[in-house]
Amino acid sequence: MPLRAAANAALSQHHLDALEEETIYLLREVTAAFERPALLFSGGKDSLVLLRCAEKAFGRGRLPWPLLMIDTGHNYPEVLAVRDTRAAELGARLIVRSVEDSMARGTVRLARPDESRNAHQSVTLLEAIEEFRFDALIGGARRDEEKARAKERIFSHRDSFGQWDPKAQRPELWTLFNTRLHPGEHFRVFPISNWTELDVWQYIAREGITLPSLYYSHRRPVVERRGLLVPVTPLTPPRPGEIVEERAVRFRTVGDITCTCPVESQARTPEEIIAETLEAEVSERGATRMDDQTSEASMERRKKDGYF
């Protein structure tokens, strides 16, 4: 048996039951504690894992809150197709709010036409919160993704401006959560905070969760830029002097086309990706997100302004 396959076969999956149980408990806790929660759902792997746990917590066709997506208008169609299919399968209400609508209202203004819209999702998200009066948003962020997310509580308080203050978080002892809110405030809740990228892929393999095909190895034209493989698309064309190559790649995380990069990979199954993940030395965001390359504090700064 090849070394990778042997390592994969030897991995225990008993911890997945404990992680799933914790996530189901947290989803039910949100539902009991708040009046108008919503689940942030993009069609990416983490939100699909979260949705599978929600299905087990409440049953198909019985989700007690809507699904919410903030659309930059620059998403991969493969991801949107899975988003729509999964929402329909569960009989869930899917709410989509667009950054382009915020641009039309004048609440979002780009510094230049080719600027990434990713950070501007914060404005559209806060507008959606005000429109529907959401008091809790359930998200699929994990602590192992990035330094700022490692600081965040499972129940993350946001003030009336949607801002996050890392120095004013509430204690979470013995799975007891302080969910009191003043008018206009809300919580972001992250039920898979304690999962890792490896846990997510083991769960995907165990549950047979269907993902967008981008997560698996495929051939795609790319250019190398600042240590990343940038996909060549109409939104991200090659710059003068850059050499376009077609390589076998996959996406470890999927977001806005303008800031999400693939990694070189031959992995075509969850089991092969698990083996690759065991050898990875860089977090998925560190290896694939251009918007996190600007500085070590870029994510924390965006979160303080209301980002996911």
Protein backbone atom coordinates (compact mmCIF):
# COMPACT_ATOMS: atom_id res chain seq x y z
CA MET A 1 0.00 0.00 0.00
CA PRO A 2 1.45 3.48 -0.88
CA LEU A 3 2.57 5.57 2.08
CA ARG A 4 -0.19 8.17 1.62
CA ALA A 5 -2.92 5.56 1.36
CA ALA A 6 -1.60 3.77 4.44
CA ALA A 7 -1.56 6.99 6.45
CA ASN A 8 -5.09 7.78 5.36
CA ALA A 9 -6.35 4.31 6.23
CA ALA A 10 -4.80 4.56 9.69
CA LEU A 11 -6.60 7.83 10.57
CA SER A 12 -9.19 7.50 13.30
CA GLN A 13 -12.62 9.00 12.65
CA HIS A 14 -14.04 8.64 16.16
CA HIS A 15 -13.47 12.35 16.83
CA LEU A 16 -15.84 13.25 13.98
CA ASP A 17 -18.78 12.04 16.05
CA ALA A 18 -17.79 14.39 18.88
CA LEU A 19 -17.34 17.34 16.49
CA GLU A 20 -20.66 16.64 14.80
CA GLU A 21 -22.41 16.36 18.17
CA GLU A 22 -20.94 19.69 19.31
CA THR A 23 -21.99 21.40 16.08
CA ILE A 24 -25.54 20.06 16.31
CA TYR A 25 -25.74 21.24 19.93
CA LEU A 26 -24.56 24.74 18.92
CA LEU A 27 -27.02 24.96 16.03
CA ARG A 28 -29.88 24.08 18.38
CA GLU A 29 -28.55 26.56 20.96
CA VAL A 30 -28.63 29.37 18.37
CA THR A 31 -32.18 28.46 17.42
CA ALA A 32 -33.29 28.52 21.04
CA ALA A 33 -31.47 31.74 22.00
CA PHE A 34 -32.32 34.05 19.09
CA GLU A 35 -35.47 35.18 17.34
CA ARG A 36 -34.23 35.72 13.77
CA PRO A 37 -31.10 33.70 12.94
CA ALA A 38 -29.86 32.92 9.42
CA LEU A 39 -27.17 30.59 8.12
CA LEU A 40 -24.52 32.10 5.85
CA PHE A 41 -24.39 29.70 2.92
CA SER A 42 -22.07 30.08 -0.06
CA GLY A 43 -21.99 26.56 -1.49
CA GLY A 44 -18.39 26.11 -0.32
CA LYS A 45 -17.15 23.06 1.55
CA ASP A 46 -17.41 24.47 5.09
CA SER A 47 -20.94 25.76 4.62
CA LEU A 48 -21.92 22.41 3.06
CA VAL A 49 -20.55 20.58 6.11
CA LEU A 50 -22.44 22.97 8.37
CA LEU A 51 -25.61 22.40 6.37
CA ARG A 52 -25.25 18.61 6.69
CA CYS A 53 -25.05 19.01 10.48
CA ALA A 54 -28.11 21.29 10.35
CA GLU A 55 -29.98 18.62 8.40
CA LYS A 56 -29.18 16.12 11.15
CA ALA A 57 -30.13 18.62 13.85
CA PHE A 58 -33.56 19.51 12.46
CA GLY A 59 -34.41 17.18 9.57
CA ARG A 60 -34.83 17.72 5.85
CA GLY A 61 -37.37 20.41 5.02
CA ARG A 62 -37.42 21.64 8.62
CA LEU A 63 -34.57 24.14 8.89
CA PRO A 64 -35.82 26.83 11.30
CA TRP A 65 -33.99 29.69 9.60
CA PRO A 66 -33.22 30.87 6.05
CA LEU A 67 -29.93 30.55 4.17
CA LEU A 68 -28.23 33.84 3.31
CA MET A 69 -25.59 34.47 0.65
CA ILE A 70 -23.82 37.75 0.00
CA ASP A 71 -22.96 37.59 -3.70
CA THR A 72 -20.07 39.64 -5.07
CA GLY A 73 -21.15 38.90 -8.63
CA HIS A 74 -17.76 37.28 -9.19
CA ASN A 75 -18.42 33.74 -8.03
CA TYR A 76 -17.62 30.50 -9.82
CA PRO A 77 -20.78 29.13 -11.48
CA GLU A 78 -19.97 25.61 -10.22
CA VAL A 79 -20.29 26.87 -6.64
CA LEU A 80 -23.57 28.69 -7.25
CA ALA A 81 -25.03 25.58 -8.88
CA VAL A 82 -24.29 23.46 -5.80
CA ARG A 83 -25.65 26.23 -3.55
CA ASP A 84 -28.97 26.28 -5.39
CA THR A 85 -29.24 22.50 -5.65
CA ARG A 86 -28.55 21.91 -1.96
CA ALA A 87 -30.97 24.60 -0.81
CA ALA A 88 -33.69 23.09 -3.01
CA GLU A 89 -33.00 19.57 -1.72
CA LEU A 90 -33.52 20.72 1.87
CA GLY A 91 -36.54 22.86 1.08
CA ALA A 92 -34.71 25.84 2.58
CA ARG A 93 -35.44 29.49 1.91
CA LEU A 94 -32.42 30.99 0.13
CA ILE A 95 -31.89 34.76 0.39
CA VAL A 96 -29.28 36.30 -1.94
CA ARG A 97 -28.13 39.89 -1.57
CA SER A 98 -25.66 41.33 -4.05
CA VAL A 99 -22.71 43.70 -3.74
CA GLU A 100 -23.73 44.99 -7.16
CA ASP A 101 -27.02 46.20 -5.67
CA SER A 102 -25.06 48.03 -2.96
CA MET A 103 -22.96 49.60 -5.71
CA ALA A 104 -26.12 50.75 -7.49
CA ARG A 105 -27.38 52.32 -4.23
CA GLY A 106 -24.05 54.07 -3.76
CA THR A 107 -23.28 52.40 -0.43
CA VAL A 108 -20.33 50.57 -2.03
CA ARG A 109 -17.88 52.49 -4.20
CA LEU A 110 -14.91 50.82 -5.82
CA ALA A 111 -11.58 52.64 -5.94
CA ARG A 112 -11.05 51.24 -9.45
CA PRO A 113 -13.13 49.02 -11.76
CA ASP A 114 -10.93 45.94 -11.28
CA GLU A 115 -10.85 46.17 -7.46
CA SER A 116 -11.86 43.01 -5.62
CA ARG A 117 -15.36 43.21 -4.20
CA ASN A 118 -14.63 40.68 -1.48
CA ALA A 119 -14.06 43.13 1.38
CA HIS A 120 -17.11 45.15 0.30
CA GLN A 121 -19.36 42.21 1.21
CA SER A 122 -19.34 43.65 4.74
CA VAL A 123 -21.53 46.56 3.63
CA THR A 124 -24.03 44.35 1.82
CA LEU A 125 -24.12 41.94 4.75
CA LEU A 126 -24.90 44.73 7.22
CA GLU A 127 -27.62 45.99 4.87
CA ALA A 128 -29.15 42.50 4.80
CA ILE A 129 -29.02 42.31 8.60
CA GLU A 130 -30.91 45.61 8.81
CA GLU A 131 -33.40 44.58 6.12
CA PHE A 132 -34.36 41.28 7.77
CA ARG A 133 -33.50 42.27 11.37
CA PHE A 134 -31.30 39.21 11.82
CA ASP A 135 -30.01 38.87 15.37
CA ALA A 136 -27.63 35.96 14.72
CA LEU A 137 -25.73 34.81 11.64
CA ILE A 138 -24.38 31.26 11.61
CA GLY A 139 -21.13 30.89 9.68
CA GLY A 140 -18.68 28.17 8.71
CA ALA A 141 -15.44 29.86 9.82
CA ARG A 142 -12.87 27.72 11.65
CA ARG A 143 -10.11 28.74 14.06
CA ASP A 144 -7.38 26.93 12.14
CA GLU A 145 -7.94 29.01 8.99
CA GLU A 146 -6.26 32.25 10.01
CA LYS A 147 -4.83 34.13 13.01
CA ALA A 148 -7.74 36.55 13.44
CA ARG A 149 -10.27 33.73 13.28
CA ALA A 150 -8.31 31.86 15.94
CA LYS A 151 -9.10 34.75 18.32
CA GLU A 152 -12.83 34.58 17.77
CA ARG A 153 -15.33 33.06 20.16
CA ILE A 154 -17.96 30.59 18.97
CA PHE A 155 -20.63 33.18 19.86
CA SER A 156 -19.02 36.37 18.56
CA HIS A 157 -20.72 39.61 19.64
CA ARG A 158 -21.07 42.45 17.12
CA ASP A 159 -22.06 46.00 18.06
CA SER A 160 -24.78 48.09 16.43
CA PHE A 161 -22.35 49.00 13.62
CA GLY A 162 -21.58 45.31 12.95
CA GLN A 163 -18.07 45.73 14.35
CA TRP A 164 -16.05 43.09 16.19
CA ASP A 165 -13.86 44.04 19.14
CA PRO A 166 -11.38 41.22 19.91
CA LYS A 167 -10.67 42.75 23.34
CA ALA A 168 -14.29 42.78 24.43
CA GLN A 169 -15.37 39.21 23.85
CA ARG A 170 -17.49 37.30 26.31
CA PRO A 171 -16.20 34.25 28.19
CA GLU A 172 -17.41 30.82 27.06
CA LEU A 173 -16.93 28.49 30.01
CA TRP A 174 -18.51 25.02 30.22
CA THR A 175 -20.38 25.63 26.94
CA LEU A 176 -22.41 28.41 28.58
CA PHE A 177 -22.96 31.38 26.29
CA ASN A 178 -23.96 34.97 27.08
CA THR A 179 -26.34 35.84 24.25
CA ARG A 180 -27.77 39.11 25.60
CA LEU A 181 -28.10 41.85 23.02
CA HIS A 182 -28.81 45.56 23.00
CA PRO A 183 -31.04 46.92 20.21
CA GLY A 184 -29.26 46.84 16.85
CA GLU A 185 -26.57 44.39 17.94
CA HIS A 186 -26.18 40.82 16.69
CA PHE A 187 -24.05 37.72 17.00
CA ARG A 188 -21.96 35.80 14.52
CA VAL A 189 -21.97 32.13 15.55
CA PHE A 190 -19.37 29.62 14.32
CA PRO A 191 -20.44 26.05 15.17
CA ILE A 192 -17.47 24.40 13.40
CA SER A 193 -14.85 26.62 15.07
CA ASN A 194 -13.10 23.59 16.56
CA TRP A 195 -12.88 21.67 13.28
CA THR A 196 -9.72 21.63 11.18
CA GLU A 197 -9.35 21.41 7.42
CA LEU A 198 -8.49 17.73 7.87
CA ASP A 199 -11.63 17.16 9.96
CA VAL A 200 -13.76 18.80 7.28
CA TRP A 201 -12.37 16.54 4.54
CA GLN A 202 -12.73 13.43 6.68
CA TYR A 203 -16.36 14.37 7.32
CA ILE A 204 -16.97 15.05 3.62
CA ALA A 205 -15.58 11.61 2.82
CA ARG A 206 -17.60 9.89 5.56
CA GLU A 207 -20.89 11.62 4.69
CA GLY A 208 -20.47 11.52 0.91
CA ILE A 209 -21.12 15.28 0.64
CA THR A 210 -21.29 16.58 -2.93
CA LEU A 211 -18.94 19.53 -3.51
CA PRO A 212 -18.36 21.90 -6.42
CA SER A 213 -15.97 20.23 -8.86
CA LEU A 214 -13.41 23.02 -8.29
CA TYR A 215 -12.35 21.35 -5.06
CA TYR A 216 -10.92 18.42 -7.00
CA SER A 217 -8.00 18.30 -9.41
CA HIS A 218 -8.67 19.73 -12.86
CA ARG A 219 -6.60 21.45 -15.51
CA ARG A 220 -6.72 25.24 -15.59
CA PRO A 221 -4.62 28.08 -17.07
CA VAL A 222 -2.76 29.93 -14.29
CA VAL A 223 0.08 32.38 -13.78
CA GLU A 224 2.49 32.56 -10.85
CA ARG A 225 2.17 35.79 -8.88
CA ARG A 226 3.61 36.57 -5.44
CA GLY A 227 4.00 32.89 -4.64
CA LEU A 228 0.41 32.05 -5.61
CA LEU A 229 -1.15 30.39 -8.65
CA VAL A 230 -3.61 32.94 -10.03
CA PRO A 231 -6.34 31.52 -12.30
CA VAL A 232 -6.54 33.15 -15.71
CA THR A 233 -10.11 34.41 -16.19
CA PRO A 234 -11.72 37.50 -17.75
CA LEU A 235 -11.69 38.99 -14.23
CA THR A 236 -8.05 38.03 -13.55
CA PRO A 237 -6.18 38.30 -16.85
CA PRO A 238 -2.41 37.81 -17.04
CA ARG A 239 -0.26 40.88 -16.53
CA PRO A 240 2.41 41.96 -19.00
CA GLY A 241 5.36 39.58 -18.84
CA GLU A 242 3.50 36.80 -17.00
CA ILE A 243 3.63 33.33 -18.53
CA VAL A 244 0.33 31.45 -18.76
CA GLU A 245 0.63 27.72 -18.03
CA GLU A 246 -2.00 25.00 -17.87
CA ARG A 247 -1.59 23.00 -14.67
CA ALA A 248 -3.45 20.38 -12.67
CA VAL A 249 -4.88 22.31 -9.72
CA ARG A 250 -7.63 22.28 -7.11
CA PHE A 251 -9.10 24.91 -4.80
CA ARG A 252 -8.65 24.45 -1.05
CA THR A 253 -11.13 27.26 -0.39
CA VAL A 254 -13.54 28.88 -2.84
CA GLY A 255 -14.55 32.52 -2.81
CA ASP A 256 -14.57 35.55 -5.07
CA ILE A 257 -12.75 34.80 -8.34
CA THR A 258 -10.63 37.93 -8.01
CA CYS A 259 -8.94 36.83 -4.78
CA THR A 260 -9.09 33.02 -4.62
CA CYS A 261 -6.22 30.92 -5.96
CA PRO A 262 -5.86 27.16 -6.52
CA VAL A 263 -2.96 24.95 -5.49
CA GLU A 264 -1.17 22.43 -7.65
CA SER A 265 -2.68 19.00 -7.04
CA GLN A 266 -3.51 15.63 -8.58
CA ALA A 267 -6.09 14.78 -5.88
CA ARG A 268 -9.43 13.77 -7.40
CA THR A 269 -11.18 12.22 -4.37
CA PRO A 270 -11.74 13.23 -0.73
CA GLU A 271 -9.41 10.43 0.33
CA GLU A 272 -6.60 11.76 -1.86
CA ILE A 273 -7.18 15.28 -0.54
CA ILE A 274 -7.01 13.98 3.05
CA ALA A 275 -3.60 12.53 2.24
CA GLU A 276 -2.45 15.87 0.77
CA THR A 277 -3.81 17.78 3.76
CA LEU A 278 -1.74 15.65 6.11
CA GLU A 279 1.37 16.95 4.36
CA ALA A 280 0.31 20.61 3.99
CA GLU A 281 2.54 23.15 5.75
CA VAL A 282 0.49 26.29 4.97
CA SER A 283 -3.10 26.98 6.02
CA GLU A 284 -5.70 26.95 3.27
CA ARG A 285 -6.21 30.73 3.37
CA GLY A 286 -2.48 31.37 3.50
CA ALA A 287 -1.98 29.22 0.42
CA THR A 288 -4.91 30.48 -1.62
CA ARG A 289 -6.22 33.93 -0.69
CA MET A 290 -4.76 37.05 -2.29
CA ASP A 291 -6.78 39.30 0.03
CA ASP A 292 -4.92 37.86 3.03
CA GLN A 293 -1.53 38.57 1.48
CA THR A 294 -1.63 42.34 1.96
CA SER A 295 -0.56 42.16 5.62
CA GLU A 296 -0.72 39.81 8.61
CA ALA A 297 -3.50 41.95 10.08
CA SER A 298 -5.65 42.19 6.93
CA MET A 299 -8.28 39.69 8.07
CA GLU A 300 -8.51 41.16 11.58
CA ARG A 301 -8.99 44.63 10.13
CA ARG A 302 -11.80 43.41 7.85
CA LYS A 303 -13.48 41.55 10.71
CA LYS A 304 -13.48 44.68 12.86
CA ASP A 305 -15.34 46.40 10.02
CA GLY A 306 -18.04 43.74 9.89
CA TYR A 307 -16.59 41.03 7.61
CA PHE A 308 -17.66 37.40 8.04
